């Protein structure tokens, strides 16, 4: 995955999505944030199984990909 975006935009986006994340969960996947870069759209998603927060912005995508970050 490779993309170009303003650091302030992605920082704001991640801080908004992290509010939905469950830090104390036994399931490690719920502690992570899902990032997907596809067709010049960057989607960041977090969940705690009760609520899900997902934000999408336009980026300059070089290589498509997806990952989980802690």
Foldseek 3Di string as FASTA:
>chain_A
DDWDDDPVVVVVVVVVQQVAADCPDPDVQSNWWKWWDDPQKIKIWHHPVVDIDIDIDGTGDDDTDMDIDD
